């Protein structure tokens, strides 16, 4: 077990990610193209309408961060506790799921509150480089501690 005595709290304040924005747009455009190639016109139009609604929801929640349940701030205290602040002003103590994903360009945090689960995709352009690096290190150290425990 490592000591948290010398650790500083970590504040993650996600911003708009251009990479995620382009990723969503390109993937949805490709999906719509495939729909019109594979399905009859009427069915493709219907499925495209559903996809556009879903794209709107994803874009507002993960890119613009305009929905009430969007993550505004995530803080890891020196005690090891994660505190999540959402746009609606709510503050929740959350636990980090072991199924969170770490990659040099992308971190996907899956945070579990009492009744809710929050997914926070963080690309390199969503937070400052030093914050991204510090979060990667904290998560890898935490994973290492879980494996040895």
N, C-alpha and C. Protein backbone atom coordinates (compact mmCIF):
# COMPACT_ATOMS: atom_id res chain seq x y z
N UNK A 1 0.85 -1.17 0.00
CA UNK A 1 0.00 0.00 0.00
C UNK A 1 0.89 1.23 0.00
N UNK A 2 0.65 2.15 -0.89
CA UNK A 2 1.48 3.34 -0.96
C UNK A 2 0.93 4.43 -0.06
N UNK A 3 1.77 5.34 0.33
CA UNK A 3 1.37 6.44 1.17
C UNK A 3 0.88 7.60 0.33
N UNK A 4 -0.22 8.20 0.75
CA UNK A 4 -0.75 9.37 0.05
C UNK A 4 -0.27 10.65 0.73
N UNK A 5 0.66 10.52 1.63
CA UNK A 5 1.12 11.66 2.43
C UNK A 5 1.69 12.78 1.57
N UNK A 6 2.42 12.44 0.52
CA UNK A 6 3.08 13.45 -0.30
C UNK A 6 2.35 13.73 -1.61
N UNK A 7 1.20 13.11 -1.80
CA UNK A 7 0.45 13.34 -3.02
C UNK A 7 -0.32 14.65 -2.94
N UNK A 8 -0.51 15.28 -4.09
CA UNK A 8 -1.34 16.46 -4.19
C UNK A 8 -2.68 16.04 -4.74
N UNK A 9 -3.70 16.84 -4.46
CA UNK A 9 -4.99 16.53 -5.08
C UNK A 9 -4.89 16.80 -6.58
N UNK A 10 -5.66 16.08 -7.32
CA UNK A 10 -5.65 16.19 -8.78
C UNK A 10 -6.99 16.73 -9.23
N UNK A 11 -6.98 17.83 -9.98
CA UNK A 11 -8.20 18.45 -10.49
C UNK A 11 -8.26 18.29 -12.00
N UNK A 12 -9.32 17.64 -12.46
CA UNK A 12 -9.54 17.44 -13.89
C UNK A 12 -10.77 18.25 -14.27
N UNK A 13 -10.56 19.28 -15.09
CA UNK A 13 -11.64 20.12 -15.58
C UNK A 13 -11.70 19.97 -17.10
N UNK A 14 -12.49 19.00 -17.59
CA UNK A 14 -12.48 18.72 -19.03
C UNK A 14 -13.03 19.89 -19.86
N UNK A 15 -12.40 20.10 -21.00
CA UNK A 15 -12.80 21.14 -21.95
C UNK A 15 -13.30 20.46 -23.23
N UNK A 16 -13.73 21.26 -24.17
CA UNK A 16 -14.21 20.75 -25.45
C UNK A 16 -13.06 20.10 -26.21
N UNK A 17 -13.29 18.91 -26.73
CA UNK A 17 -12.27 18.16 -27.45
C UNK A 17 -12.58 18.18 -28.95
N UNK A 18 -11.71 18.80 -29.73
CA UNK A 18 -11.87 18.83 -31.19
C UNK A 18 -11.68 17.43 -31.79
N UNK A 19 -10.78 16.66 -31.19
CA UNK A 19 -10.54 15.30 -31.70
C UNK A 19 -11.81 14.46 -31.54
N UNK A 20 -12.45 14.52 -30.37
CA UNK A 20 -13.68 13.77 -30.14
C UNK A 20 -14.80 14.26 -31.06
N UNK A 21 -14.85 15.56 -31.27
CA UNK A 21 -15.84 16.14 -32.17
C UNK A 21 -15.70 15.58 -33.58
N UNK A 22 -14.50 15.58 -34.11
CA UNK A 22 -14.26 15.04 -35.45
C UNK A 22 -14.50 13.54 -35.50
N UNK A 23 -14.10 12.84 -34.46
CA UNK A 23 -14.31 11.39 -34.39
C UNK A 23 -15.79 11.06 -34.50
N UNK A 24 -16.61 11.76 -33.72
CA UNK A 24 -18.06 11.51 -33.77
C UNK A 24 -18.63 11.82 -35.15
N UNK A 25 -18.24 12.97 -35.71
CA UNK A 25 -18.79 13.38 -37.01
C UNK A 25 -18.41 12.39 -38.13
N UNK A 26 -17.16 11.98 -38.15
CA UNK A 26 -16.70 11.06 -39.20
C UNK A 26 -17.38 9.70 -39.06
N UNK A 27 -17.48 9.20 -37.83
CA UNK A 27 -18.10 7.89 -37.62
C UNK A 27 -19.59 7.91 -37.96
N UNK A 28 -20.28 8.94 -37.56
CA UNK A 28 -21.70 9.00 -37.88
C UNK A 28 -21.92 9.20 -39.37
N UNK A 29 -21.08 9.98 -40.03
CA UNK A 29 -21.20 10.17 -41.48
C UNK A 29 -20.98 8.84 -42.21
N UNK A 30 -19.98 8.10 -41.79
CA UNK A 30 -19.72 6.79 -42.39
C UNK A 30 -20.86 5.82 -42.16
N UNK A 31 -21.44 5.87 -40.97
CA UNK A 31 -22.57 4.99 -40.66
C UNK A 31 -23.78 5.32 -41.53
N UNK A 32 -24.05 6.60 -41.70
CA UNK A 32 -25.18 7.01 -42.54
C UNK A 32 -24.95 6.59 -43.99
N UNK A 33 -23.74 6.73 -44.47
CA UNK A 33 -23.42 6.30 -45.83
C UNK A 33 -23.67 4.80 -46.00
N UNK A 34 -23.23 4.02 -45.04
CA UNK A 34 -23.45 2.57 -45.10
C UNK A 34 -24.94 2.23 -45.05
N UNK A 35 -25.69 2.98 -44.24
CA UNK A 35 -27.14 2.73 -44.16
C UNK A 35 -27.80 2.90 -45.54
N UNK A 36 -27.41 3.95 -46.26
CA UNK A 36 -28.02 4.20 -47.57
C UNK A 36 -27.54 3.21 -48.63
N UNK A 37 -26.40 2.61 -48.41
CA UNK A 37 -25.92 1.59 -49.35
C UNK A 37 -26.62 0.25 -49.10
N UNK A 38 -26.80 -0.09 -47.84
CA UNK A 38 -27.28 -1.42 -47.48
C UNK A 38 -28.81 -1.52 -47.44
N UNK A 39 -29.50 -0.52 -46.92
CA UNK A 39 -30.94 -0.61 -46.69
C UNK A 39 -31.73 0.15 -47.74
N UNK A 40 -33.01 -0.19 -47.87
CA UNK A 40 -33.90 0.59 -48.75
C UNK A 40 -33.99 2.04 -48.25
N UNK A 41 -34.33 2.95 -49.13
CA UNK A 41 -34.30 4.39 -48.85
C UNK A 41 -35.13 4.77 -47.62
N UNK A 42 -36.35 4.26 -47.52
CA UNK A 42 -37.23 4.63 -46.41
C UNK A 42 -36.67 4.17 -45.07
N UNK A 43 -36.19 2.95 -45.01
CA UNK A 43 -35.60 2.43 -43.78
C UNK A 43 -34.30 3.18 -43.43
N UNK A 44 -33.50 3.49 -44.43
CA UNK A 44 -32.27 4.25 -44.20
C UNK A 44 -32.57 5.64 -43.66
N UNK A 45 -33.62 6.28 -44.19
CA UNK A 45 -34.01 7.60 -43.68
C UNK A 45 -34.48 7.53 -42.23
N UNK A 46 -35.25 6.51 -41.91
CA UNK A 46 -35.73 6.33 -40.54
C UNK A 46 -34.56 6.10 -39.58
N UNK A 47 -33.66 5.20 -39.94
CA UNK A 47 -32.49 4.93 -39.10
C UNK A 47 -31.58 6.15 -38.98
N UNK A 48 -31.46 6.92 -40.05
CA UNK A 48 -30.65 8.14 -40.02
C UNK A 48 -31.24 9.15 -39.05
N UNK A 49 -32.57 9.25 -39.02
CA UNK A 49 -33.21 10.17 -38.07
C UNK A 49 -32.90 9.77 -36.64
N UNK A 50 -32.96 8.47 -36.32
CA UNK A 50 -32.61 8.00 -34.98
C UNK A 50 -31.14 8.28 -34.67
N UNK A 51 -30.28 8.03 -35.64
CA UNK A 51 -28.85 8.28 -35.43
C UNK A 51 -28.55 9.76 -35.21
N UNK A 52 -29.23 10.63 -35.93
CA UNK A 52 -29.02 12.07 -35.76
C UNK A 52 -29.43 12.51 -34.35
N UNK A 53 -30.52 11.95 -33.85
CA UNK A 53 -30.94 12.25 -32.48
C UNK A 53 -29.91 11.78 -31.47
N UNK A 54 -29.36 10.60 -31.70
CA UNK A 54 -28.34 10.07 -30.80
C UNK A 54 -27.04 10.87 -30.90
N UNK A 55 -26.67 11.26 -32.10
CA UNK A 55 -25.49 12.11 -32.28
C UNK A 55 -25.66 13.43 -31.54
N UNK A 56 -26.84 14.03 -31.63
CA UNK A 56 -27.12 15.28 -30.93
C UNK A 56 -26.94 15.10 -29.42
N UNK A 57 -27.46 14.00 -28.90
CA UNK A 57 -27.33 13.72 -27.45
C UNK A 57 -25.87 13.52 -27.05
N UNK A 58 -25.15 12.70 -27.81
CA UNK A 58 -23.73 12.45 -27.51
C UNK A 58 -22.90 13.72 -27.62
N UNK A 59 -23.15 14.50 -28.66
CA UNK A 59 -22.40 15.72 -28.90
C UNK A 59 -22.61 16.72 -27.76
N UNK A 60 -23.86 16.90 -27.33
CA UNK A 60 -24.13 17.81 -26.22
C UNK A 60 -23.53 17.32 -24.91
N UNK A 61 -23.57 16.02 -24.70
CA UNK A 61 -23.09 15.48 -23.41
C UNK A 61 -21.57 15.39 -23.33
N UNK A 62 -20.91 14.90 -24.36
CA UNK A 62 -19.47 14.64 -24.28
C UNK A 62 -18.59 15.70 -24.92
N UNK A 63 -19.09 16.43 -25.91
CA UNK A 63 -18.26 17.44 -26.57
C UNK A 63 -18.55 18.83 -25.99
N UNK A 64 -19.81 19.25 -26.05
CA UNK A 64 -20.17 20.57 -25.53
C UNK A 64 -20.31 20.59 -24.01
N UNK A 65 -20.61 19.44 -23.44
CA UNK A 65 -20.81 19.29 -21.99
C UNK A 65 -21.89 20.25 -21.49
N UNK A 66 -23.05 20.22 -22.16
CA UNK A 66 -24.16 21.12 -21.85
C UNK A 66 -25.30 20.46 -21.08
N UNK A 67 -25.29 19.17 -20.91
CA UNK A 67 -26.39 18.51 -20.21
C UNK A 67 -26.18 18.60 -18.70
N UNK A 68 -27.26 18.55 -17.94
CA UNK A 68 -27.11 18.66 -16.48
C UNK A 68 -26.21 17.60 -15.85
N UNK A 69 -26.15 16.41 -16.44
CA UNK A 69 -25.31 15.35 -15.87
C UNK A 69 -23.89 15.32 -16.46
N UNK A 70 -23.54 16.34 -17.26
CA UNK A 70 -22.18 16.41 -17.81
C UNK A 70 -21.18 16.72 -16.70
N UNK A 71 -20.01 16.12 -16.82
CA UNK A 71 -18.98 16.31 -15.80
C UNK A 71 -18.32 17.67 -16.00
N UNK A 72 -18.37 18.48 -14.96
CA UNK A 72 -17.74 19.80 -14.98
C UNK A 72 -16.35 19.75 -14.35
N UNK A 73 -16.21 18.96 -13.29
CA UNK A 73 -14.95 18.88 -12.56
C UNK A 73 -14.86 17.53 -11.87
N UNK A 74 -13.67 16.95 -11.91
CA UNK A 74 -13.39 15.71 -11.19
C UNK A 74 -12.16 15.95 -10.34
N UNK A 75 -12.27 15.67 -9.05
CA UNK A 75 -11.16 15.92 -8.12
C UNK A 75 -10.81 14.62 -7.42
N UNK A 76 -9.52 14.32 -7.42
CA UNK A 76 -9.04 13.19 -6.60
C UNK A 76 -8.32 13.80 -5.42
N UNK A 77 -8.89 13.61 -4.25
CA UNK A 77 -8.32 14.16 -3.02
C UNK A 77 -7.09 13.36 -2.60
N UNK A 78 -6.31 13.94 -1.71
CA UNK A 78 -5.11 13.25 -1.21
C UNK A 78 -5.48 12.00 -0.41
N UNK A 79 -6.72 11.91 0.03
CA UNK A 79 -7.18 10.73 0.77
C UNK A 79 -7.49 9.57 -0.17
N UNK A 80 -7.48 9.83 -1.48
CA UNK A 80 -7.80 8.80 -2.46
C UNK A 80 -9.25 8.81 -2.89
N UNK A 81 -10.03 9.73 -2.36
CA UNK A 81 -11.44 9.84 -2.68
C UNK A 81 -11.63 10.66 -3.97
N UNK A 82 -12.52 10.19 -4.84
CA UNK A 82 -12.85 10.89 -6.08
C UNK A 82 -14.14 11.65 -5.87
N UNK A 83 -14.15 12.94 -6.20
CA UNK A 83 -15.35 13.77 -6.08
C UNK A 83 -15.70 14.32 -7.46
N UNK A 84 -16.94 14.08 -7.87
CA UNK A 84 -17.41 14.47 -9.20
C UNK A 84 -18.39 15.63 -9.06
N UNK A 85 -18.15 16.68 -9.85
CA UNK A 85 -19.05 17.84 -9.90
C UNK A 85 -19.68 17.86 -11.29
N UNK A 86 -21.01 17.91 -11.32
CA UNK A 86 -21.70 17.96 -12.61
C UNK A 86 -22.20 19.37 -12.89
N UNK A 87 -22.65 19.59 -14.10
CA UNK A 87 -23.09 20.91 -14.54
C UNK A 87 -24.30 21.41 -13.76
N UNK A 88 -25.13 20.50 -13.27
CA UNK A 88 -26.30 20.91 -12.49
C UNK A 88 -25.96 21.32 -11.07
N UNK A 89 -24.67 21.31 -10.72
CA UNK A 89 -24.23 21.75 -9.40
C UNK A 89 -24.13 20.64 -8.37
N UNK A 90 -24.49 19.44 -8.73
CA UNK A 90 -24.42 18.32 -7.79
C UNK A 90 -22.97 17.88 -7.58
N UNK A 91 -22.71 17.43 -6.39
CA UNK A 91 -21.38 16.92 -6.04
C UNK A 91 -21.57 15.50 -5.52
N UNK A 92 -20.83 14.56 -6.11
CA UNK A 92 -20.98 13.16 -5.73
C UNK A 92 -19.61 12.55 -5.44
N UNK A 93 -19.59 11.69 -4.45
CA UNK A 93 -18.39 10.88 -4.21
C UNK A 93 -18.54 9.65 -5.09
N UNK A 94 -17.53 9.40 -5.92
CA UNK A 94 -17.59 8.29 -6.87
C UNK A 94 -16.40 7.37 -6.66
N UNK A 95 -16.55 6.17 -7.18
CA UNK A 95 -15.43 5.23 -7.19
C UNK A 95 -15.06 4.97 -8.65
N UNK A 96 -13.79 4.75 -8.86
CA UNK A 96 -13.28 4.50 -10.20
C UNK A 96 -13.42 3.01 -10.50
N UNK A 97 -14.08 2.71 -11.61
CA UNK A 97 -14.29 1.33 -12.01
C UNK A 97 -12.99 0.74 -12.55
N UNK A 98 -12.72 -0.53 -12.26
CA UNK A 98 -11.53 -1.18 -12.82
C UNK A 98 -11.61 -1.34 -14.33
N UNK A 99 -12.79 -1.15 -14.92
CA UNK A 99 -12.91 -1.26 -16.37
C UNK A 99 -12.60 0.05 -17.09
N UNK A 100 -12.10 1.04 -16.37
CA UNK A 100 -11.66 2.28 -17.02
C UNK A 100 -10.50 1.97 -17.94
N UNK A 101 -10.36 2.78 -19.00
CA UNK A 101 -9.38 2.50 -20.06
C UNK A 101 -8.31 3.58 -20.08
N UNK A 102 -7.05 3.14 -20.17
CA UNK A 102 -5.92 4.07 -20.23
C UNK A 102 -5.10 3.79 -21.48
N UNK A 103 -4.85 4.84 -22.25
CA UNK A 103 -4.06 4.78 -23.47
C UNK A 103 -3.27 6.08 -23.53
N UNK A 104 -2.11 6.12 -24.18
CA UNK A 104 -1.35 7.38 -24.23
C UNK A 104 -2.10 8.56 -24.85
N UNK A 105 -3.13 8.31 -25.65
CA UNK A 105 -3.89 9.40 -26.27
C UNK A 105 -5.30 9.57 -25.71
N UNK A 106 -5.78 8.59 -24.96
CA UNK A 106 -7.17 8.57 -24.52
C UNK A 106 -7.29 7.90 -23.16
N UNK A 107 -8.11 8.50 -22.31
CA UNK A 107 -8.47 7.89 -21.04
C UNK A 107 -10.00 7.88 -20.98
N UNK A 108 -10.57 6.74 -20.70
CA UNK A 108 -12.01 6.65 -20.50
C UNK A 108 -12.24 6.25 -19.05
N UNK A 109 -12.74 7.19 -18.28
CA UNK A 109 -13.01 6.94 -16.87
C UNK A 109 -14.46 6.51 -16.70
N UNK A 110 -14.65 5.42 -16.02
CA UNK A 110 -15.99 4.97 -15.68
C UNK A 110 -16.11 5.14 -14.17
N UNK A 111 -16.97 6.07 -13.79
CA UNK A 111 -17.11 6.46 -12.39
C UNK A 111 -18.48 6.04 -11.88
N UNK A 112 -18.49 5.40 -10.72
CA UNK A 112 -19.74 4.88 -10.18
C UNK A 112 -20.10 5.61 -8.90
N UNK A 113 -21.28 6.23 -8.92
CA UNK A 113 -21.86 6.83 -7.72
C UNK A 113 -22.84 5.81 -7.16
N UNK A 114 -23.60 6.21 -6.17
CA UNK A 114 -24.53 5.26 -5.54
C UNK A 114 -25.53 4.68 -6.53
N UNK A 115 -26.22 5.55 -7.28
CA UNK A 115 -27.24 5.06 -8.21
C UNK A 115 -26.86 5.27 -9.67
N UNK A 116 -25.81 6.01 -9.95
CA UNK A 116 -25.49 6.40 -11.32
C UNK A 116 -24.10 5.94 -11.73
N UNK A 117 -23.92 5.83 -13.02
CA UNK A 117 -22.61 5.57 -13.59
C UNK A 117 -22.32 6.69 -14.58
N UNK A 118 -21.13 7.26 -14.49
CA UNK A 118 -20.71 8.34 -15.37
C UNK A 118 -19.54 7.85 -16.21
N UNK A 119 -19.58 8.16 -17.50
CA UNK A 119 -18.49 7.85 -18.40
C UNK A 119 -17.86 9.15 -18.83
N UNK A 120 -16.56 9.27 -18.64
CA UNK A 120 -15.84 10.50 -18.97
C UNK A 120 -14.71 10.19 -19.93
N UNK A 121 -14.93 10.42 -21.24
CA UNK A 121 -13.82 10.24 -22.20
C UNK A 121 -12.94 11.48 -22.19
N UNK A 122 -11.65 11.27 -22.01
CA UNK A 122 -10.68 12.38 -21.97
C UNK A 122 -9.62 12.13 -23.03
N UNK A 123 -9.62 12.97 -24.06
CA UNK A 123 -8.56 12.92 -25.05
C UNK A 123 -7.51 13.95 -24.67
N UNK A 124 -6.35 13.86 -25.28
CA UNK A 124 -5.24 14.74 -24.93
C UNK A 124 -5.58 16.23 -25.04
N UNK A 125 -6.48 16.59 -25.95
CA UNK A 125 -6.80 18.01 -26.11
C UNK A 125 -7.92 18.49 -25.18
N UNK A 126 -8.46 17.61 -24.33
CA UNK A 126 -9.54 17.98 -23.43
C UNK A 126 -9.05 18.54 -22.10
N UNK A 127 -7.83 18.22 -21.73
CA UNK A 127 -7.25 18.73 -20.48
C UNK A 127 -5.80 19.11 -20.74
N UNK A 128 -5.21 19.95 -19.89
CA UNK A 128 -3.79 20.31 -20.09
C UNK A 128 -2.89 19.08 -20.06
N UNK A 129 -1.77 19.18 -20.78
CA UNK A 129 -0.86 18.02 -20.92
C UNK A 129 -0.35 17.51 -19.58
N UNK A 130 -0.02 18.41 -18.66
CA UNK A 130 0.49 17.95 -17.36
C UNK A 130 -0.61 17.26 -16.55
N UNK A 131 -1.86 17.71 -16.68
CA UNK A 131 -2.97 17.05 -16.01
C UNK A 131 -3.24 15.67 -16.59
N UNK A 132 -3.14 15.55 -17.93
CA UNK A 132 -3.33 14.27 -18.60
C UNK A 132 -2.27 13.27 -18.14
N UNK A 133 -1.03 13.73 -18.10
CA UNK A 133 0.09 12.88 -17.68
C UNK A 133 -0.06 12.46 -16.22
N UNK A 134 -0.42 13.40 -15.36
CA UNK A 134 -0.59 13.09 -13.94
C UNK A 134 -1.72 12.09 -13.72
N UNK A 135 -2.80 12.25 -14.47
CA UNK A 135 -3.92 11.31 -14.36
C UNK A 135 -3.51 9.92 -14.83
N UNK A 136 -2.78 9.84 -15.94
CA UNK A 136 -2.29 8.54 -16.42
C UNK A 136 -1.45 7.84 -15.37
N UNK A 137 -0.54 8.59 -14.77
CA UNK A 137 0.35 8.01 -13.76
C UNK A 137 -0.46 7.54 -12.56
N UNK A 138 -1.39 8.36 -12.08
CA UNK A 138 -2.21 7.97 -10.93
C UNK A 138 -3.00 6.70 -11.21
N UNK A 139 -3.57 6.62 -12.41
CA UNK A 139 -4.38 5.45 -12.75
C UNK A 139 -3.53 4.20 -12.89
N UNK A 140 -2.36 4.33 -13.47
CA UNK A 140 -1.48 3.16 -13.62
C UNK A 140 -0.96 2.69 -12.27
N UNK A 141 -0.64 3.61 -11.39
CA UNK A 141 -0.20 3.24 -10.05
C UNK A 141 -1.33 2.55 -9.30
N UNK A 142 -2.54 3.07 -9.43
CA UNK A 142 -3.69 2.46 -8.77
C UNK A 142 -3.96 1.05 -9.31
N UNK A 143 -3.80 0.86 -10.62
CA UNK A 143 -3.98 -0.47 -11.20
C UNK A 143 -2.92 -1.43 -10.68
N UNK A 144 -1.70 -0.95 -10.56
CA UNK A 144 -0.62 -1.78 -10.03
C UNK A 144 -0.87 -2.20 -8.59
N UNK A 145 -1.42 -1.28 -7.80
CA UNK A 145 -1.72 -1.59 -6.40
C UNK A 145 -2.84 -2.63 -6.31
N UNK A 146 -3.85 -2.54 -7.20
CA UNK A 146 -4.94 -3.51 -7.19
C UNK A 146 -4.46 -4.90 -7.55
N UNK A 147 -3.51 -4.98 -8.48
CA UNK A 147 -3.01 -6.28 -8.91
C UNK A 147 -2.19 -6.95 -7.82
N UNK A 148 -1.49 -6.16 -7.02
CA UNK A 148 -0.65 -6.75 -5.96
C UNK A 148 -1.44 -7.02 -4.70
N UNK A 149 -2.63 -6.43 -4.58
CA UNK A 149 -3.43 -6.62 -3.37
C UNK A 149 -4.17 -7.92 -3.36
